[in-house]
């Protein structure tokens, strides 16, 4: 499938684009079929030079216009509005309270497990090590 898209040829931090017809599988800066115009976003107002008759020809041949190309000609679809940001003051206390409760529940599990049968000798040792690490982490935090 053919696409009409922008091909960047500018240097670092100095963008300059060619409007080209390419196969959609080609690289951004790879070979192109035909040069249709140029776009310089650094000038004021932005410099856009297009061969409109050739663009019409390629769209009749089935070439699809890319989002970047549609954006510079002003026909890009509207983006949906962004979701409003949540307040940070309400989130911070809510996240700290469960974090403080989690180590307490782990410690109670450790105290319950040694009362089980002597068959699971390795499990209480592993959990005790974990509880010691949790206590070290709580002290450094």
N, C-alpha and C. Protein backbone atom coordinates (compact mmCIF):
# COMPACT_ATOMS: atom_id res chain seq x y z
N UNK A 1 0.84 -1.18 0.00
CA UNK A 1 0.00 0.00 0.00
C UNK A 1 0.88 1.24 0.00
N UNK A 2 0.46 2.24 -0.72
CA UNK A 2 1.21 3.49 -0.81
C UNK A 2 0.74 4.48 0.24
N UNK A 3 1.68 5.28 0.73
CA UNK A 3 1.35 6.32 1.71
C UNK A 3 2.00 7.63 1.30
N UNK A 4 1.30 8.71 1.61
CA UNK A 4 1.88 10.05 1.47
C UNK A 4 2.27 10.46 2.88
N UNK A 5 3.57 10.59 3.11
CA UNK A 5 4.02 10.90 4.47
C UNK A 5 5.23 11.82 4.46
N UNK A 6 5.64 12.23 5.66
CA UNK A 6 6.78 13.12 5.82
C UNK A 6 8.06 12.31 5.96
N UNK A 7 9.13 12.78 5.33
CA UNK A 7 10.43 12.15 5.43
C UNK A 7 11.39 13.19 6.00
N UNK A 8 11.90 12.93 7.19
CA UNK A 8 12.79 13.90 7.84
C UNK A 8 14.17 13.87 7.20
N UNK A 9 14.65 15.06 6.84
CA UNK A 9 16.00 15.16 6.28
C UNK A 9 16.82 16.20 7.02
N UNK A 10 16.27 16.85 8.02
CA UNK A 10 16.99 17.88 8.76
C UNK A 10 18.01 17.29 9.70
N UNK A 11 18.86 18.15 10.25
CA UNK A 11 19.88 17.72 11.19
C UNK A 11 19.30 17.67 12.60
N UNK A 12 20.16 17.37 13.55
CA UNK A 12 19.75 17.27 14.94
C UNK A 12 19.21 18.62 15.43
N UNK A 13 17.99 18.60 15.96
CA UNK A 13 17.28 19.77 16.48
C UNK A 13 16.97 20.82 15.42
N UNK A 14 17.09 20.48 14.15
CA UNK A 14 16.76 21.38 13.03
C UNK A 14 15.92 20.60 12.02
N UNK A 15 14.67 20.30 12.35
CA UNK A 15 13.87 19.44 11.46
C UNK A 15 13.52 20.11 10.14
N UNK A 16 13.54 19.31 9.08
CA UNK A 16 13.10 19.72 7.76
C UNK A 16 12.54 18.45 7.13
N UNK A 17 11.40 18.56 6.48
CA UNK A 17 10.73 17.38 5.97
C UNK A 17 10.46 17.48 4.48
N UNK A 18 10.48 16.32 3.81
CA UNK A 18 10.00 16.20 2.45
C UNK A 18 8.66 15.47 2.51
N UNK A 19 7.73 15.88 1.69
CA UNK A 19 6.47 15.17 1.56
C UNK A 19 6.65 14.22 0.38
N UNK A 20 6.55 12.92 0.63
CA UNK A 20 6.86 11.92 -0.38
C UNK A 20 5.79 10.84 -0.46
N UNK A 21 5.78 10.13 -1.58
CA UNK A 21 4.96 8.93 -1.74
C UNK A 21 5.90 7.75 -1.56
N UNK A 22 5.55 6.85 -0.63
CA UNK A 22 6.40 5.68 -0.35
C UNK A 22 5.52 4.45 -0.15
N UNK A 23 6.15 3.30 -0.25
CA UNK A 23 5.50 2.07 0.17
C UNK A 23 5.46 2.10 1.69
N UNK A 24 4.35 1.69 2.31
CA UNK A 24 4.21 1.84 3.76
C UNK A 24 5.22 1.00 4.53
N UNK A 25 5.80 0.01 3.92
CA UNK A 25 6.78 -0.84 4.60
C UNK A 25 8.18 -0.24 4.59
N UNK A 26 8.39 0.84 3.83
CA UNK A 26 9.72 1.46 3.72
C UNK A 26 10.07 2.21 5.01
N UNK A 27 11.36 2.41 5.22
CA UNK A 27 11.83 3.15 6.39
C UNK A 27 11.45 4.62 6.27
N UNK A 28 11.50 5.32 7.41
CA UNK A 28 11.15 6.73 7.43
C UNK A 28 12.03 7.55 6.51
N UNK A 29 13.32 7.22 6.47
CA UNK A 29 14.26 7.97 5.64
C UNK A 29 14.73 7.14 4.45
N UNK A 30 14.00 6.09 4.11
CA UNK A 30 14.39 5.23 2.99
C UNK A 30 14.02 5.85 1.65
N UNK A 31 14.12 5.03 0.61
CA UNK A 31 13.81 5.51 -0.73
C UNK A 31 12.34 5.83 -0.90
N UNK A 32 12.03 6.72 -1.83
CA UNK A 32 10.65 7.11 -2.07
C UNK A 32 10.34 7.04 -3.55
N UNK A 33 9.04 7.05 -3.86
CA UNK A 33 8.60 6.95 -5.25
C UNK A 33 8.61 8.32 -5.92
N UNK A 34 8.03 9.31 -5.24
CA UNK A 34 7.98 10.65 -5.82
C UNK A 34 7.99 11.71 -4.72
N UNK A 35 8.69 12.80 -4.97
CA UNK A 35 8.72 13.95 -4.06
C UNK A 35 7.53 14.84 -4.38
N UNK A 36 6.70 15.11 -3.34
CA UNK A 36 5.49 15.90 -3.55
C UNK A 36 5.58 17.30 -2.95
N UNK A 37 6.60 17.58 -2.17
CA UNK A 37 6.72 18.91 -1.58
C UNK A 37 7.67 18.91 -0.40
N UNK A 38 7.73 20.06 0.30
CA UNK A 38 8.60 20.22 1.46
C UNK A 38 7.84 20.91 2.58
N UNK A 39 8.35 20.73 3.81
CA UNK A 39 7.76 21.36 5.00
C UNK A 39 8.88 21.76 5.93
N UNK A 40 8.94 23.07 6.26
CA UNK A 40 9.95 23.59 7.18
C UNK A 40 9.24 24.16 8.41
N UNK A 41 9.25 23.44 9.54
CA UNK A 41 8.55 23.92 10.74
C UNK A 41 9.30 25.01 11.50
N UNK A 42 10.54 25.31 11.12
CA UNK A 42 11.32 26.30 11.86
C UNK A 42 11.04 27.74 11.44
N UNK A 43 10.56 27.94 10.23
CA UNK A 43 10.30 29.30 9.77
C UNK A 43 8.99 29.81 10.36
N UNK A 44 8.85 31.12 10.38
CA UNK A 44 7.61 31.71 10.90
C UNK A 44 7.02 32.61 9.83
N UNK A 45 5.91 32.34 9.21
CA UNK A 45 5.05 31.17 9.40
C UNK A 45 5.69 29.94 8.78
N UNK A 46 5.23 28.77 9.17
CA UNK A 46 5.80 27.51 8.69
C UNK A 46 5.70 27.42 7.17
N UNK A 47 6.80 27.02 6.55
CA UNK A 47 6.89 26.99 5.09
C UNK A 47 6.43 25.62 4.57
N UNK A 48 5.30 25.61 3.84
CA UNK A 48 4.77 24.37 3.27
C UNK A 48 4.63 24.57 1.77
N UNK A 49 5.37 23.76 1.00
CA UNK A 49 5.28 23.81 -0.46
C UNK A 49 4.84 22.43 -0.94
N UNK A 50 3.70 22.36 -1.61
CA UNK A 50 3.14 21.09 -2.06
C UNK A 50 2.77 21.14 -3.53
N UNK A 51 2.90 20.02 -4.21
CA UNK A 51 2.42 19.88 -5.59
C UNK A 51 1.03 19.24 -5.49
N UNK A 52 0.01 20.08 -5.44
CA UNK A 52 -1.35 19.60 -5.19
C UNK A 52 -1.85 18.67 -6.30
N UNK A 53 -1.50 18.94 -7.55
CA UNK A 53 -1.97 18.08 -8.63
C UNK A 53 -1.40 16.66 -8.51
N UNK A 54 -0.14 16.54 -8.07
CA UNK A 54 0.46 15.22 -7.89
C UNK A 54 -0.10 14.51 -6.66
N UNK A 55 -0.42 15.28 -5.62
CA UNK A 55 -1.05 14.68 -4.43
C UNK A 55 -2.41 14.11 -4.81
N UNK A 56 -3.19 14.86 -5.59
CA UNK A 56 -4.49 14.36 -6.05
C UNK A 56 -4.32 13.11 -6.90
N UNK A 57 -3.32 13.11 -7.77
CA UNK A 57 -3.06 11.94 -8.62
C UNK A 57 -2.80 10.69 -7.77
N UNK A 58 -1.94 10.81 -6.76
CA UNK A 58 -1.60 9.65 -5.94
C UNK A 58 -2.75 9.21 -5.04
N UNK A 59 -3.55 10.14 -4.55
CA UNK A 59 -4.71 9.73 -3.75
C UNK A 59 -5.73 8.98 -4.61
N UNK A 60 -5.87 9.37 -5.89
CA UNK A 60 -6.75 8.62 -6.81
C UNK A 60 -6.19 7.23 -7.09
N UNK A 61 -4.87 7.09 -7.04
CA UNK A 61 -4.24 5.78 -7.24
C UNK A 61 -4.37 4.89 -6.01
N UNK A 62 -4.85 5.45 -4.88
CA UNK A 62 -5.06 4.66 -3.67
C UNK A 62 -4.09 4.94 -2.53
N UNK A 63 -3.27 5.96 -2.67
CA UNK A 63 -2.32 6.29 -1.60
C UNK A 63 -3.07 6.87 -0.39
N UNK A 64 -2.70 6.41 0.80
CA UNK A 64 -3.29 6.91 2.04
C UNK A 64 -2.42 8.02 2.61
N UNK A 65 -3.05 9.03 3.19
CA UNK A 65 -2.31 10.14 3.80
C UNK A 65 -2.00 9.79 5.25
N UNK A 66 -0.76 10.02 5.67
CA UNK A 66 -0.36 9.72 7.04
C UNK A 66 -0.88 10.79 7.99
N UNK A 67 -0.85 10.47 9.29
CA UNK A 67 -1.31 11.42 10.31
C UNK A 67 -0.45 12.68 10.32
N UNK A 68 0.87 12.52 10.16
CA UNK A 68 1.76 13.69 10.14
C UNK A 68 1.46 14.61 8.97
N UNK A 69 1.22 14.03 7.81
CA UNK A 69 0.90 14.84 6.64
C UNK A 69 -0.45 15.54 6.83
N UNK A 70 -1.43 14.82 7.32
CA UNK A 70 -2.75 15.43 7.57
C UNK A 70 -2.65 16.56 8.59
N UNK A 71 -1.76 16.41 9.57
CA UNK A 71 -1.60 17.45 10.59
C UNK A 71 -1.06 18.74 9.98
N UNK A 72 -0.08 18.65 9.07
CA UNK A 72 0.50 19.88 8.52
C UNK A 72 -0.44 20.57 7.54
N UNK A 73 -1.33 19.82 6.88
CA UNK A 73 -2.26 20.49 5.96
C UNK A 73 -3.55 20.89 6.66
N UNK A 74 -3.67 20.54 7.95
CA UNK A 74 -4.82 20.99 8.74
C UNK A 74 -6.05 20.12 8.62
N UNK A 75 -5.91 18.89 8.15
CA UNK A 75 -7.06 18.00 8.01
C UNK A 75 -6.99 16.81 8.96
N UNK A 76 -6.14 16.89 9.95
CA UNK A 76 -5.99 15.78 10.90
C UNK A 76 -7.23 15.64 11.76
N UNK A 77 -7.62 14.42 12.10
CA UNK A 77 -8.77 14.24 12.98
C UNK A 77 -8.47 14.79 14.37
N UNK A 78 -9.50 15.27 15.03
CA UNK A 78 -9.33 15.83 16.37
C UNK A 78 -9.01 14.71 17.35
N UNK A 79 -8.08 15.00 18.24
CA UNK A 79 -7.73 14.05 19.29
C UNK A 79 -8.76 14.16 20.40
N UNK A 80 -9.08 13.06 21.07
CA UNK A 80 -10.02 13.16 22.19
C UNK A 80 -9.40 13.97 23.33
N UNK A 81 -10.21 14.69 24.10
CA UNK A 81 -9.64 15.50 25.19
C UNK A 81 -9.00 14.62 26.25
N UNK A 82 -7.98 15.16 26.90
CA UNK A 82 -7.27 14.41 27.93
C UNK A 82 -8.13 14.29 29.18
N UNK A 83 -7.91 13.21 29.92
CA UNK A 83 -8.62 13.02 31.18
C UNK A 83 -8.07 14.00 32.20
N UNK A 84 -8.91 14.54 33.05
CA UNK A 84 -8.40 15.48 34.07
C UNK A 84 -7.52 14.74 35.07
N UNK A 85 -6.50 15.45 35.56
CA UNK A 85 -5.59 14.85 36.52
C UNK A 85 -6.26 14.71 37.87
N UNK A 86 -5.92 13.64 38.58
CA UNK A 86 -6.46 13.43 39.92
C UNK A 86 -5.64 14.25 40.90
N UNK A 87 -6.28 14.59 42.01
CA UNK A 87 -5.58 15.37 43.03
C UNK A 87 -4.58 14.49 43.76
N UNK A 88 -3.38 14.98 43.97
CA UNK A 88 -2.33 14.20 44.61
C UNK A 88 -2.51 14.14 46.12
N UNK A 89 -3.11 15.15 46.73
CA UNK A 89 -3.24 15.18 48.18
C UNK A 89 -4.13 14.05 48.68
N UNK A 90 -5.14 13.68 47.93
CA UNK A 90 -6.03 12.61 48.36
C UNK A 90 -5.38 11.24 48.16
N UNK A 91 -4.47 11.09 47.20
CA UNK A 91 -3.87 9.80 46.92
C UNK A 91 -2.75 9.44 47.90
N UNK A 92 -1.96 10.40 48.35
CA UNK A 92 -0.81 10.09 49.19
C UNK A 92 -1.19 9.43 50.51
N UNK A 93 -2.13 9.94 51.30
CA UNK A 93 -2.47 9.26 52.54
C UNK A 93 -3.07 7.88 52.29
N UNK A 94 -3.81 7.72 51.21
CA UNK A 94 -4.44 6.45 50.91
C UNK A 94 -3.39 5.39 50.59
N UNK A 95 -2.31 5.75 49.92
CA UNK A 95 -1.29 4.78 49.58
C UNK A 95 -0.39 4.45 50.77
N UNK A 96 -0.19 5.36 51.69
CA UNK A 96 0.67 5.11 52.82
C UNK A 96 0.02 4.19 53.84
N UNK A 97 -1.28 4.29 54.03
CA UNK A 97 -1.96 3.49 55.04
C UNK A 97 -1.90 2.00 54.71
N UNK A 98 -2.24 1.54 53.48
CA UNK A 98 -2.13 0.12 53.20
C UNK A 98 -0.69 -0.38 53.25
N UNK A 99 0.27 0.43 52.87
CA UNK A 99 1.66 0.02 52.90
C UNK A 99 2.10 -0.26 54.34
N UNK A 100 1.61 0.53 55.28
CA UNK A 100 1.95 0.32 56.69
C UNK A 100 1.26 -0.92 57.23
N UNK A 101 0.10 -1.25 56.74
CA UNK A 101 -0.64 -2.41 57.23
C UNK A 101 -0.08 -3.71 56.71
N UNK A 102 0.49 -3.75 55.51
CA UNK A 102 0.97 -4.99 54.91
C UNK A 102 2.04 -5.69 55.75
N UNK A 103 3.09 -5.01 56.23
CA UNK A 103 4.08 -5.72 57.03
C UNK A 103 3.49 -6.30 58.31
N UNK A 104 2.50 -5.64 58.90
CA UNK A 104 1.88 -6.15 60.11
C UNK A 104 1.19 -7.48 59.84
N UNK A 105 0.53 -7.61 58.70
CA UNK A 105 -0.14 -8.87 58.38
C UNK A 105 0.88 -9.96 58.13
N UNK A 106 2.03 -9.65 57.56
CA UNK A 106 3.06 -10.64 57.34
C UNK A 106 3.64 -11.11 58.67
N UNK A 107 3.83 -10.20 59.61
CA UNK A 107 4.38 -10.57 60.90
C UNK A 107 3.43 -11.49 61.65
N UNK A 108 2.13 -11.24 61.55
CA UNK A 108 1.18 -12.11 62.23
C UNK A 108 1.19 -13.49 61.60
N UNK A 109 1.42 -13.59 60.30
CA UNK A 109 1.51 -14.90 59.65
C UNK A 109 2.73 -15.65 60.16
N UNK A 110 3.83 -14.95 60.37
CA UNK A 110 5.05 -15.59 60.84
C UNK A 110 4.82 -16.17 62.23
N UNK A 111 4.13 -15.46 63.09
CA UNK A 111 3.91 -15.95 64.44
C UNK A 111 2.94 -17.12 64.45
N UNK A 112 2.05 -17.21 63.49
CA UNK A 112 1.10 -18.31 63.43
C UNK A 112 1.75 -19.57 62.89
N UNK A 113 2.68 -19.49 61.97
CA UNK A 113 3.24 -20.66 61.32
C UNK A 113 4.11 -21.52 62.24
N UNK A 114 4.89 -21.00 63.15
CA UNK A 114 5.68 -21.89 64.01
C UNK A 114 4.82 -22.80 64.88
N UNK A 115 3.56 -22.46 65.09
CA UNK A 115 2.69 -23.29 65.90
C UNK A 115 2.18 -24.50 65.13
N UNK A 116 2.52 -24.61 63.85
CA UNK A 116 2.08 -25.75 63.05
C UNK A 116 2.94 -26.97 63.36
N UNK A 117 2.66 -28.06 62.70
CA UNK A 117 3.36 -29.32 62.93
C UNK A 117 4.84 -29.19 62.59
N UNK A 118 5.70 -30.01 63.19
CA UNK A 118 7.13 -29.94 62.95
C UNK A 118 7.55 -30.41 61.56
N UNK A 119 6.63 -30.92 60.73
CA UNK A 119 6.97 -31.39 59.40
C UNK A 119 7.50 -30.25 58.52
N UNK A 120 6.98 -29.05 58.69
CA UNK A 120 7.36 -27.91 57.85
C UNK A 120 8.37 -27.04 58.59
N UNK A 121 9.56 -27.58 58.78
CA UNK A 121 10.61 -26.88 59.50
C UNK A 121 11.22 -25.78 58.61
N UNK A 122 11.34 -26.01 57.32
CA UNK A 122 11.99 -25.04 56.44
C UNK A 122 11.10 -23.83 56.19
N UNK A 123 9.80 -23.98 56.20
CA UNK A 123 8.91 -22.85 55.93
C UNK A 123 9.03 -21.75 56.98
N UNK A 124 8.98 -22.06 58.27
CA UNK A 124 9.11 -20.96 59.23
C UNK A 124 10.46 -20.26 59.14
N UNK A 125 11.54 -20.99 58.80
CA UNK A 125 12.84 -20.34 58.67
C UNK A 125 12.84 -19.34 57.52
N UNK A 126 12.26 -19.72 56.37
CA UNK A 126 12.19 -18.82 55.23
C UNK A 126 11.36 -17.60 55.56
N UNK A 127 10.23 -17.81 56.21
CA UNK A 127 9.37 -16.68 56.56
C UNK A 127 10.02 -15.79 57.61
N UNK A 128 10.79 -16.41 58.55
CA UNK A 128 11.45 -15.59 59.55
C UNK A 128 12.50 -14.70 58.89
N UNK A 129 13.21 -15.23 57.92
CA UNK A 129 14.19 -14.41 57.21
C UNK A 129 13.50 -13.26 56.50
N UNK A 130 12.36 -13.56 55.89
CA UNK A 130 11.61 -12.51 55.21
C UNK A 130 11.15 -11.44 56.17
N UNK A 131 10.74 -11.85 57.39
CA UNK A 131 10.27 -10.86 58.34
C UNK A 131 11.43 -10.01 58.85
N UNK A 132 12.62 -10.61 58.96
CA UNK A 132 13.79 -9.84 59.38
C UNK A 132 14.13 -8.81 58.31
N UNK A 133 14.04 -9.21 57.04
CA UNK A 133 14.31 -8.27 55.96
C UNK A 133 13.28 -7.16 55.96
N UNK A 134 12.04 -7.50 56.20
CA UNK A 134 11.00 -6.46 56.25
C UNK A 134 11.27 -5.47 57.37
N UNK A 135 11.73 -5.98 58.54
CA UNK A 135 12.02 -5.07 59.65
C UNK A 135 13.19 -4.15 59.30
N UNK A 136 14.20 -4.69 58.57
CA UNK A 136 15.33 -3.87 58.16
C UNK A 136 14.87 -2.79 57.19
N UNK A 137 14.00 -3.17 56.24
CA UNK A 137 13.49 -2.20 55.27
C UNK A 137 12.67 -1.13 55.95
N UNK A 138 11.89 -1.50 56.96
CA UNK A 138 11.07 -0.50 57.66
C UNK A 138 11.96 0.48 58.41
N UNK A 139 13.06 -0.01 58.97
CA UNK A 139 13.94 0.87 59.73
C UNK A 139 14.67 1.85 58.84
N UNK A 140 15.02 1.45 57.61
CA UNK A 140 15.74 2.35 56.70
C UNK A 140 14.82 3.32 56.00
N UNK A 141 13.53 3.03 55.94
CA UNK A 141 12.61 3.90 55.22
C UNK A 141 12.18 5.09 55.98
